[in-house]
Every structure is written in structure tokens, then in C-alpha cells.
Amino acid sequence: MHTPNILLLALPLLALTLASCSSTDSSGDDVNNPLVASGSAPAPVGDGHGTLQGSTEVAEPQLHLMTVDTDGHVDLLDLADETTTGIGEVQDVSDTFTDGRHLFTSSATTGVMTVIDSGMWTWDHEDHFHYYRGEPKIIGTIDGTGEAMVTPGSSGTGIYFPDSGEGAVLDNDALAQGELTVRTEFSGQPHGGMLIPLSNLTLLTRPGIDATAASVQVYDADGELVDGSSAECVDAQGTITTPVGIVIGCDDGALLVTLDGDQVTFERIPYPADPPTDKATEFRAREGRPTVAAVAGDQGAWLLDTRRRSWQFIPTEAPLLQVSAVDDREGHVIALGNDGRILVLSAETSGTIAATEPLLAGTLKNPALLAGVELTTDQQRAYLNAPAEQQLHEIDFADNARIARTFDTASVPAHFAETGR
């Protein structure tokens, strides 16, 4: 089996472009991530509680919904006063990613990945939180080939282009200051894989003979392969960071990657014997939860408890499009059904305990718009964009899946993310 030549490059493969308006601002990242390395937080000013120059500390989380319409206009909806602010424009967006503060937009046609700062973030101070707001702006772009995959981490943000096999890790300290700085850069064989920052290390998939990922390897801060640090992961798809470690979906279950000092440990969490349905390929959960969820083919949902190292299958009467785990004690899962309803599933009863009316009748008829639909959850609410209907929905999942608010948009909200968490 051929081993791809993946190494740190002396000259940059990916072109970075900074927007002229990039000023200093905020932090942003997985605030509940326990894998944070020392020095990974952005340099604060003032009292050292996460304030950055140009930001203001406020009393409550600055929750916003950032949308990108079909013409590329980027807007920021303030969930407190329901006002909307225009940020700028991006072109040909095919997918988006978020770290809770920044929105990363990717274009499959141009290969451009754009970083947009919402200016809203939360600082985790262990036993309490601090909340900040600054000016939203477009920070800059990275030029690659094809659609990018973005994986936020504790001290770095992973950018990977499957069509070229090229990738990079952005420094989060610099990103918090409004700058795009490549910490490490990689080049390997094109394949449908992923690049995941892990403190000052990097996890990178290695392709097999069929151009799909076959294993996961560890690289140090200089981009050099760490001897003896690899694990088989056939057809690796989907990843998420939990308080326990990083989850990567494999053909036979999940690979759990943990870090103790500089020591990386791989643990395999196999599916139950004779699993009743398809494997998990995309994981979602409320930020900071050890239990994550994934669509289980057309038969229901998977729940993966990273603390117990166990899977649970929750059957549903109709196929699901997206699922997100929202709590651990009650085992509640928020799901988007293929009929456009939002469902609240119970791990305890393996049933549906609440549901909305269909919310996406028009969008379900348009595959291009449906591809940009996103179901996101926080501690109290779930949010859903309905592009064809030109609406954003806020769902109180704890109150019988009640539609708390519906926001009409002036244009088609093709993509969206919740920021300020």
C-alpha cells in the first residue's frame, strides 16, 4: 500500500487574502473544549477575562443568527432585539461551518474559503462565563481547489481540500485578532478525508487504494509524522469534539481520540453486534456535550455516549435528515424529519415525544436549497432555516417543540449559523 507524502511545506500552497477591514476583535472557538492547550486562548487586555481590544463586555450571551442568501449577502440577526445588520458579500457558497463565533463559507466552484467574524463570543472562565461583542466583519479568504472542509479546534482551525489533498491549520490566536495565519501546512494525495487540530498536534486521514480515508495519523507542530501514532479508520467520515475527546466516524464504529500531555490515545467504540442500520457519517450535539447524535440511515438516529463508550439506536417511523443531541440526563435528541417537521426524540423511551408541523414544504421540493438547511441547538432553543419559505425558526424543544419565534427574511437564507455561544 502506497503511503502518501504528507509533510510541512516550505512555501505556502494555499493563498491567503486578508480583508482590508480586519481589525482586532474577539476570541471564539470551542469554549467548553477540555483539549485546550496552554496559550491557546487569544491574548486578552484589561482584566484578563477574555476582553480583546475593540470589544465590549456585556451581561448576557450575544446570540445571533448569521445568514448567507443565494446572492451571497451576509446578514447578522440579533436574537435579543431582532434587528438585522449587513456584513458584506461572498460568492458561490456551497457549504458553511462555524466555531460559535466565526462563519467559514466554502465554494466548490471557486475553491475559495472565506472567514467571517460575527464579533460575538463567550469566554469560558471555568466556573462562570464572560460575554463580549465587537464589530462583525469579513476577515479574509483562503484559495484552494474545490470545496473545503473546516474543522475548528481548541488552538487551531483545520482547513482541508479533498480535491487536492492540501490542508492547513490556522492559528486561533491570530484569528481572534482578525488575522489569517497558517500554523502548519500539509500536502498529500487527494481523498475524501479530514484534517483535525488537536492542541498543537494535527490528525490527518491517510487514503487507501480507493481514494477514501483508511486511517488516521498524528503530526506534530512542525508537520512531521509522529512515529507510532496512527489508527485504522476505514472510510472515515464525520467528526466532532466532545469534553471526552475527538470522535471520528469509521466503517466499524467510532474512533475516540484523547490527549494526555503530548500522548495521543486511540480508542475504538464498535457498533453493536449486527447493527440494525447504516453507519453514522455526521455527528451533531449541543456544544460541550459528551453524547452526540447522527442520522442512522433511513431508520432513525444513533446516539454515541463518549463517556460510556457506547452506542444506542433510536428508531423512527420516518427517515431523518439531521439530528442533534441536546442533553445527557434525559437523552433528548432534536431531529429534522424528511417531511420537514422538527421532532424531539427520547433515548429513554426510544420514541418521539414532541413534533412541530411541517416547516419546509417548499424547501423539500428544491434539492439545492435543502442542501443548505441547518438544524442547530443551544441550551434552550433549536434554530432552523427554511430557505424557500424565507424564514428562520426558533423552537423551544423543552416546551413540546413549540415554535417560539419565526423571523421572515428579505431574501433566501440559503445558509445560516448561530453565533455568540
Protein backbone atom coordinates (compact mmCIF):
# COMPACT_ATOMS: atom_id res chain seq x y z
CA MET A 1 0.00 0.00 0.00
CA HIS A 2 1.39 3.37 -1.03
CA THR A 3 1.90 5.91 1.75
CA PRO A 4 1.15 9.48 0.62
CA ASN A 5 3.86 12.05 1.03
CA ILE A 6 2.35 14.41 3.61
CA LEU A 7 4.72 16.99 5.01
CA LEU A 8 5.14 20.57 6.12
CA LEU A 9 5.79 22.76 3.10
CA ALA A 10 8.44 25.44 2.91
CA LEU A 11 6.29 27.55 0.59
CA PRO A 12 2.56 28.06 1.08
CA LEU A 13 0.23 26.01 -1.11
CA LEU A 14 -2.85 27.99 -0.15
CA ALA A 15 -3.18 31.68 -0.91
CA LEU A 16 -4.44 33.80 2.00
CA THR A 17 -6.16 37.12 1.44
CA LEU A 18 -6.97 39.43 4.34
CA ALA A 19 -9.83 41.87 4.06
CA SER A 20 -8.77 45.46 4.49
CA CYS A 21 -11.24 45.92 7.33
CA SER A 22 -9.66 43.24 9.54
CA SER A 23 -9.26 44.88 12.94
CA THR A 24 -8.61 43.27 16.30
CA ASP A 25 -11.54 41.69 18.00
CA SER A 26 -12.54 38.59 19.76
CA SER A 27 -11.66 35.04 20.71
CA GLY A 28 -14.05 32.31 19.68
CA ASP A 29 -13.54 28.58 19.49
CA ASP A 30 -14.96 25.62 21.36
CA VAL A 31 -15.29 27.34 24.73
CA ASN A 32 -16.14 24.10 26.51
CA ASN A 33 -13.38 22.08 24.85
CA PRO A 34 -11.20 20.38 27.51
CA LEU A 35 -8.42 19.75 24.98
CA VAL A 36 -7.36 23.42 25.08
CA ALA A 37 -3.58 23.73 25.18
CA SER A 38 -1.80 26.30 27.32
CA GLY A 39 -1.63 29.60 25.50
CA SER A 40 -4.40 28.62 23.10
CA ALA A 41 -6.74 31.41 24.21
CA PRO A 42 -6.42 34.82 22.49
CA ALA A 43 -4.38 37.43 24.30
CA PRO A 44 -6.75 39.47 26.47
CA VAL A 45 -6.50 43.08 27.56
CA GLY A 46 -7.72 44.76 30.72
CA ASP A 47 -8.65 42.32 33.50
CA GLY A 48 -7.58 39.22 31.57
CA HIS A 49 -11.09 37.72 31.31
CA GLY A 50 -11.09 37.38 27.53
CA THR A 51 -11.53 41.01 26.54
CA LEU A 52 -9.84 41.95 23.28
CA GLN A 53 -9.14 45.45 22.08
CA GLY A 54 -12.19 46.89 20.34
CA SER A 55 -14.63 44.64 22.22
CA THR A 56 -17.14 45.39 24.95
CA GLU A 57 -18.07 43.09 27.82
CA VAL A 58 -21.83 42.67 28.25
CA ALA A 59 -24.07 40.96 30.77
CA GLU A 60 -25.62 38.25 28.59
CA PRO A 61 -24.67 35.96 25.69
CA GLN A 62 -24.80 37.82 22.39
CA LEU A 63 -26.73 35.23 20.41
CA HIS A 64 -27.12 35.99 16.72
CA LEU A 65 -28.10 34.12 13.56
CA MET A 66 -25.73 34.74 10.65
CA THR A 67 -27.24 34.04 7.23
CA VAL A 68 -25.90 33.89 3.68
CA ASP A 69 -28.53 34.30 0.99
CA THR A 70 -28.48 32.92 -2.56
CA ASP A 71 -26.89 36.15 -3.83
CA GLY A 72 -24.09 35.94 -1.27
CA HIS A 73 -25.29 38.69 1.07
CA VAL A 74 -24.23 38.04 4.68
CA ASP A 75 -26.57 39.30 7.42
CA LEU A 76 -26.50 39.09 11.22
CA LEU A 77 -29.80 38.83 13.11
CA ASP A 78 -29.66 39.88 16.78
CA LEU A 79 -31.90 37.48 18.71
CA ALA A 80 -32.27 39.98 21.57
CA ASP A 81 -33.72 42.97 19.68
CA GLU A 82 -34.48 41.23 16.34
CA THR A 83 -32.52 43.79 14.30
CA THR A 84 -30.51 42.76 11.24
CA THR A 85 -27.09 44.07 10.24
CA GLY A 86 -25.48 43.59 6.84
CA ILE A 87 -21.84 42.42 6.93
CA GLY A 88 -20.79 42.03 3.30
CA GLU A 89 -20.88 39.61 0.39
CA VAL A 90 -19.37 36.23 -0.50
CA GLN A 91 -19.75 34.37 -3.77
CA ASP A 92 -20.90 30.89 -4.80
CA VAL A 93 -21.25 29.44 -1.29
CA SER A 94 -21.82 25.69 -1.29
CA ASP A 95 -21.23 24.87 2.40
CA THR A 96 -20.64 26.59 5.74
CA PHE A 97 -19.02 25.77 9.09
CA THR A 98 -18.87 27.59 12.42
CA ASP A 99 -16.89 27.61 15.67
CA GLY A 100 -19.59 29.55 17.54
CA ARG A 101 -18.13 32.92 16.62
CA HIS A 102 -16.81 32.78 13.06
CA LEU A 103 -18.61 31.57 9.94
CA PHE A 104 -16.45 29.78 7.38
CA THR A 105 -18.01 29.69 3.91
CA SER A 106 -16.75 27.36 1.20
CA SER A 107 -17.23 27.46 -2.57
CA ALA A 108 -17.00 24.23 -4.55
CA THR A 109 -16.85 26.17 -7.83
CA THR A 110 -14.13 28.72 -6.98
CA GLY A 111 -12.23 26.89 -4.22
CA VAL A 112 -12.40 29.99 -2.03
CA MET A 113 -12.93 29.61 1.73
CA THR A 114 -13.98 32.88 3.42
CA VAL A 115 -13.76 33.66 7.14
CA ILE A 116 -16.46 35.94 8.56
CA ASP A 117 -16.32 37.26 12.12
CA SER A 118 -19.68 37.76 13.83
CA GLY A 119 -17.96 39.84 16.55
CA MET A 120 -19.90 37.94 19.24
CA TRP A 121 -18.35 35.41 21.60
CA THR A 122 -18.35 33.81 25.05
CA TRP A 123 -15.27 33.45 27.29
CA ASP A 124 -15.23 30.33 29.46
CA HIS A 125 -13.73 31.20 32.88
CA GLU A 126 -14.19 27.68 34.29
CA ASP A 127 -16.85 28.36 36.93
CA HIS A 128 -18.58 31.19 35.02
CA PHE A 129 -18.66 32.92 31.66
CA HIS A 130 -17.92 36.36 30.24
CA TYR A 131 -19.74 37.69 27.18
CA TYR A 132 -18.38 40.09 24.57
CA ARG A 133 -19.40 41.87 21.42
CA GLY A 134 -17.36 43.64 18.76
CA GLU A 135 -17.78 44.69 15.14
CA PRO A 136 -18.74 41.99 12.62
CA LYS A 137 -16.56 41.82 9.52
CA ILE A 138 -15.18 39.66 6.74
CA ILE A 139 -11.63 38.74 7.78
CA GLY A 140 -10.26 37.22 4.58
CA THR A 141 -10.05 34.20 2.29
CA ILE A 142 -8.01 31.09 1.56
CA ASP A 143 -7.81 29.88 -2.04
CA GLY A 144 -7.77 26.14 -2.66
CA THR A 145 -9.21 23.59 -5.07
CA GLY A 146 -12.82 22.55 -4.79
CA GLU A 147 -14.89 22.61 -1.61
CA ALA A 148 -13.10 22.99 1.71
CA MET A 149 -13.82 21.12 4.93
CA VAL A 150 -13.35 23.24 8.06
CA THR A 151 -12.79 21.69 11.49
CA PRO A 152 -12.49 24.14 14.41
CA GLY A 153 -10.25 23.07 17.30
CA SER A 154 -9.03 24.45 20.60
CA SER A 155 -5.95 26.35 19.41
CA GLY A 156 -6.21 25.94 15.65
CA THR A 157 -8.75 25.62 12.86
CA GLY A 158 -8.28 22.87 10.27
CA ILE A 159 -8.82 23.60 6.56
CA TYR A 160 -8.78 20.64 4.16
CA PHE A 161 -9.44 20.45 0.40
CA PRO A 162 -10.28 16.83 -0.55
CA ASP A 163 -9.99 17.54 -4.31
CA SER A 164 -6.30 18.44 -3.98
CA GLY A 165 -5.26 16.76 -0.72
CA GLU A 166 -3.98 20.11 0.55
CA GLY A 167 -4.68 21.42 4.03
CA ALA A 168 -3.60 23.89 6.68
CA VAL A 169 -4.09 24.73 10.32
CA LEU A 170 -4.97 28.35 11.09
CA ASP A 171 -3.75 29.83 14.36
CA ASN A 172 -6.77 30.69 16.52
CA ASP A 173 -4.95 33.39 18.49
CA ALA A 174 -4.35 35.27 15.26
CA LEU A 175 -7.87 34.55 14.04
CA ALA A 176 -9.25 36.13 17.20
CA GLN A 177 -7.27 39.26 16.33
CA GLY A 178 -8.71 39.39 12.81
CA GLU A 179 -5.74 37.77 11.05
CA LEU A 180 -5.32 34.62 8.97
CA THR A 181 -2.07 32.96 9.96
CA VAL A 182 -1.16 29.45 8.80
CA ARG A 183 0.45 27.49 11.64
CA THR A 184 1.14 24.28 9.70
CA GLU A 185 0.53 23.30 6.08
CA PHE A 186 0.10 19.85 4.54
CA SER A 187 0.02 18.28 1.09
CA GLY A 188 -0.95 14.70 0.29
CA GLN A 189 -2.92 12.53 -2.08
CA PRO A 190 -6.44 13.79 -2.86
CA HIS A 191 -9.07 11.80 -1.00
CA GLY A 192 -12.32 12.21 0.88
CA GLY A 193 -10.73 12.69 4.29
CA MET A 194 -10.31 15.27 7.01
CA LEU A 195 -7.79 17.34 8.94
CA ILE A 196 -8.44 17.89 12.65
CA PRO A 197 -6.42 20.13 15.02
CA LEU A 198 -5.68 18.56 18.41
CA SER A 199 -3.96 21.10 20.67
CA ASN A 200 -0.56 21.64 18.97
CA LEU A 201 -0.89 18.38 17.03
CA THR A 202 -2.83 17.56 13.88
CA LEU A 203 -4.88 14.49 12.97
CA LEU A 204 -4.89 13.77 9.25
CA THR A 205 -6.50 10.91 7.37
CA ARG A 206 -4.49 8.73 5.03
CA PRO A 207 -6.15 7.34 1.89
CA GLY A 208 -6.46 3.71 0.93
CA ILE A 209 -6.46 2.28 -2.57
CA ASP A 210 -9.95 3.60 -3.39
CA ALA A 211 -9.32 7.32 -2.59
CA THR A 212 -11.30 7.11 0.65
CA ALA A 213 -9.76 7.54 4.08
CA ALA A 214 -8.27 4.34 5.52
CA SER A 215 -6.50 5.51 8.67
CA VAL A 216 -5.81 8.49 10.93
CA GLN A 217 -2.26 9.70 11.56
CA VAL A 218 -0.80 12.21 14.02
CA TYR A 219 1.55 15.06 13.03
CA ASP A 220 3.49 17.35 15.32
CA ALA A 221 3.60 21.16 15.34
CA ASP A 222 6.26 21.10 12.59
CA GLY A 223 4.12 18.95 10.33
CA GLU A 224 6.22 15.82 10.91
CA LEU A 225 4.62 12.40 11.30
CA VAL A 226 4.66 11.20 14.91
CA ASP A 227 6.09 7.67 14.95
CA GLY A 228 3.70 5.01 16.15
CA SER A 229 0.71 7.36 16.36
CA SER A 230 -1.86 6.09 13.89
CA ALA A 231 -5.06 4.06 13.88
CA GLU A 232 -7.08 2.27 11.25
CA CYS A 233 -10.32 4.04 10.35
CA VAL A 234 -11.79 2.68 7.14
CA ASP A 235 -13.97 5.14 5.21
CA ALA A 236 -13.55 7.86 7.85
CA GLN A 237 -16.49 10.26 7.71
CA GLY A 238 -17.73 12.81 10.23
CA THR A 239 -16.02 14.28 13.27
CA ILE A 240 -16.96 16.22 16.39
CA THR A 241 -15.15 17.39 19.52
CA THR A 242 -16.64 16.44 22.90
CA PRO A 243 -15.46 17.02 26.51
CA VAL A 244 -14.07 13.49 26.39
CA GLY A 245 -12.17 13.68 23.11
CA ILE A 246 -12.46 13.87 19.35
CA VAL A 247 -14.88 11.50 17.61
CA ILE A 248 -14.24 10.25 14.07
CA GLY A 249 -16.74 8.02 12.31
CA CYS A 250 -15.32 4.79 10.84
CA ASP A 251 -16.80 1.88 8.94
CA ASP A 252 -16.99 -0.30 12.07
CA GLY A 253 -17.92 2.34 14.66
CA ALA A 254 -16.28 5.43 16.14
CA LEU A 255 -12.66 6.26 16.80
CA LEU A 256 -12.24 8.28 20.02
CA VAL A 257 -9.02 10.30 20.16
CA THR A 258 -7.85 11.70 23.51
CA LEU A 259 -4.77 13.66 24.54
CA ASP A 260 -2.86 13.45 27.83
CA GLY A 261 0.05 15.87 27.67
CA ASP A 262 1.64 15.01 24.32
CA GLN A 263 0.40 11.42 24.39
CA VAL A 264 -2.37 10.61 21.89
CA THR A 265 -4.61 7.61 22.62
CA PHE A 266 -6.94 5.95 20.10
CA GLU A 267 -9.96 4.01 21.37
CA ARG A 268 -12.37 2.15 19.13
CA ILE A 269 -16.08 2.21 20.02
CA PRO A 270 -17.61 -0.53 17.84
CA TYR A 271 -21.21 -0.62 16.74
CA PRO A 272 -23.46 -3.13 18.48
CA ALA A 273 -23.33 -6.64 17.06
CA ASP A 274 -25.47 -6.86 13.91
CA PRO A 275 -26.28 -3.12 13.85
CA PRO A 276 -29.82 -2.51 12.63
CA THR A 277 -28.98 0.27 10.20
CA ASP A 278 -26.39 2.30 8.32
CA LYS A 279 -23.32 3.79 9.95
CA ALA A 280 -23.01 7.35 11.28
CA THR A 281 -21.36 9.81 8.89
CA GLU A 282 -22.08 13.19 10.52
CA PHE A 283 -22.21 13.97 14.25
CA ARG A 284 -24.03 16.86 15.94
CA ALA A 285 -24.63 17.93 19.52
CA ARG A 286 -25.17 20.98 21.66
CA GLU A 287 -21.76 22.45 22.35
CA GLY A 288 -19.86 20.82 25.20
CA ARG A 289 -21.97 17.63 25.37
CA PRO A 290 -20.28 14.22 25.72
CA THR A 291 -23.20 12.49 23.97
CA VAL A 292 -23.55 13.13 20.24
CA ALA A 293 -26.09 12.09 17.63
CA ALA A 294 -26.04 11.00 14.00
CA VAL A 295 -28.59 10.00 11.39
CA ALA A 296 -28.94 6.21 11.20
CA GLY A 297 -29.67 5.66 7.53
CA ASP A 298 -33.42 5.89 6.89
CA GLN A 299 -34.41 4.11 10.11
CA GLY A 300 -33.73 6.59 12.94
CA ALA A 301 -30.86 8.05 14.92
CA TRP A 302 -27.64 6.92 16.57
CA LEU A 303 -26.61 8.20 19.99
CA LEU A 304 -22.94 7.89 20.91
CA ASP A 305 -22.06 8.33 24.60
CA THR A 306 -18.32 9.09 24.65
CA ARG A 307 -18.11 8.75 28.44
CA ARG A 308 -19.61 5.26 28.48
CA ARG A 309 -18.08 4.34 25.12
CA SER A 310 -21.43 3.04 23.90
CA TRP A 311 -23.93 3.39 21.06
CA GLN A 312 -27.73 3.48 21.21
CA PHE A 313 -30.09 3.21 18.27
CA ILE A 314 -33.36 5.19 18.35
CA PRO A 315 -35.83 4.03 15.66
CA THR A 316 -38.24 6.44 13.97
CA GLU A 317 -41.24 5.87 11.76
CA ALA A 318 -39.91 8.13 9.01
CA PRO A 319 -36.35 8.90 7.83
CA LEU A 320 -34.43 11.79 9.38
CA LEU A 321 -32.36 14.45 7.62
CA GLN A 322 -30.43 15.81 10.62
CA VAL A 323 -30.18 15.11 14.35
CA SER A 324 -28.53 16.82 17.32
CA ALA A 325 -28.11 15.61 20.92
CA VAL A 326 -29.10 18.32 23.40
CA ASP A 327 -28.75 16.77 26.86
CA ASP A 328 -27.26 13.74 28.57
CA ARG A 329 -29.50 13.10 31.58
CA GLU A 330 -32.79 12.89 29.67
CA GLY A 331 -31.28 11.67 26.42
CA HIS A 332 -33.20 14.11 24.24
CA VAL A 333 -32.38 14.37 20.56
CA ILE A 334 -33.68 17.10 18.23
CA ALA A 335 -34.29 15.88 14.71
CA LEU A 336 -35.37 17.20 11.33
CA GLY A 337 -37.66 14.68 9.63
CA ASN A 338 -37.81 14.18 5.88
CA ASP A 339 -41.31 15.67 5.99
CA GLY A 340 -39.97 19.00 7.30
CA ARG A 341 -41.05 18.56 10.92
CA ILE A 342 -38.81 19.13 13.93
CA LEU A 343 -39.01 16.13 16.28
CA VAL A 344 -37.96 15.67 19.89
CA LEU A 345 -36.78 12.10 20.42
CA SER A 346 -36.23 10.34 23.75
CA ALA A 347 -33.39 7.89 24.30
CA GLU A 348 -35.19 6.58 27.38
CA THR A 349 -38.38 5.62 25.54
CA SER A 350 -36.88 5.26 22.04
CA GLY A 351 -39.81 7.26 20.78
CA THR A 352 -40.92 10.69 19.55
CA ILE A 353 -42.24 12.83 22.40
CA ALA A 354 -43.00 16.08 20.53
CA ALA A 355 -43.18 17.41 16.98
CA THR A 356 -43.88 20.60 15.06
CA GLU A 357 -45.97 20.99 11.96
CA PRO A 358 -44.05 20.69 8.65
CA LEU A 359 -41.85 23.79 8.26
CA LEU A 360 -40.09 23.17 4.94
CA ALA A 361 -42.79 22.30 2.37
CA GLY A 362 -41.26 24.46 -0.37
CA THR A 363 -37.63 23.78 0.51
CA LEU A 364 -38.13 20.00 0.41
CA LYS A 365 -39.03 20.33 -3.29
CA ASN A 366 -35.74 22.06 -4.08
CA PRO A 367 -32.66 19.82 -3.50
CA ALA A 368 -30.24 22.73 -3.97
CA LEU A 369 -31.89 24.73 -1.18
CA LEU A 370 -32.39 21.67 1.01
CA ALA A 371 -28.63 21.05 0.95
CA GLY A 372 -28.10 24.33 2.86
CA VAL A 373 -30.69 23.68 5.59
CA GLU A 374 -29.13 23.59 9.06
CA LEU A 375 -30.58 22.47 12.39
CA THR A 376 -28.58 23.92 15.29
CA THR A 377 -29.18 23.72 19.03
CA ASP A 378 -28.11 25.57 22.15
CA GLN A 379 -29.04 25.14 25.80
CA GLN A 380 -32.59 26.45 25.41
CA ARG A 381 -33.56 26.61 21.74
CA ALA A 382 -33.17 24.98 18.35
CA TYR A 383 -32.90 27.02 15.15
CA LEU A 384 -33.75 26.07 11.58
CA ASN A 385 -33.51 27.95 8.29
CA ALA A 386 -36.29 27.50 5.74
CA PRO A 387 -34.77 28.90 2.52
CA ALA A 388 -37.69 28.59 0.09
CA GLU A 389 -40.09 29.93 2.73
CA GLN A 390 -37.63 32.81 3.51
CA GLN A 391 -37.91 32.16 7.22
CA LEU A 392 -35.81 31.33 10.27
CA HIS A 393 -37.48 29.33 13.04
CA GLU A 394 -36.74 29.30 16.78
CA ILE A 395 -38.06 26.15 18.50
CA ASP A 396 -38.45 25.67 22.26
CA PHE A 397 -37.75 21.95 22.32
CA ALA A 398 -38.37 21.69 26.08
CA ASP A 399 -41.90 23.06 25.67
CA ASN A 400 -43.45 20.41 23.44
CA ALA A 401 -41.46 21.61 20.39
CA ARG A 402 -43.24 24.97 20.45
CA ILE A 403 -42.37 27.44 17.70
CA ALA A 404 -41.18 30.33 19.88
CA ARG A 405 -40.47 32.78 17.07
CA THR A 406 -40.40 32.88 13.29
CA PHE A 407 -38.30 35.50 11.53
CA ASP A 408 -39.22 36.47 7.98
CA THR A 409 -36.17 37.29 5.87
CA ALA A 410 -35.93 39.74 2.98
CA SER A 411 -34.06 37.17 0.86
CA VAL A 412 -33.50 33.42 0.69
CA PRO A 413 -31.47 32.28 3.78
CA ALA A 414 -29.58 29.56 1.91
CA HIS A 415 -27.10 29.00 4.79
CA PHE A 416 -27.01 30.02 8.45
CA ALA A 417 -25.27 29.51 11.79
CA GLU A 418 -25.84 30.55 15.38
CA THR A 419 -23.02 32.69 16.81
CA GLY A 420 -22.23 34.25 20.17
CA ARG A 421 -22.15 30.92 22.02
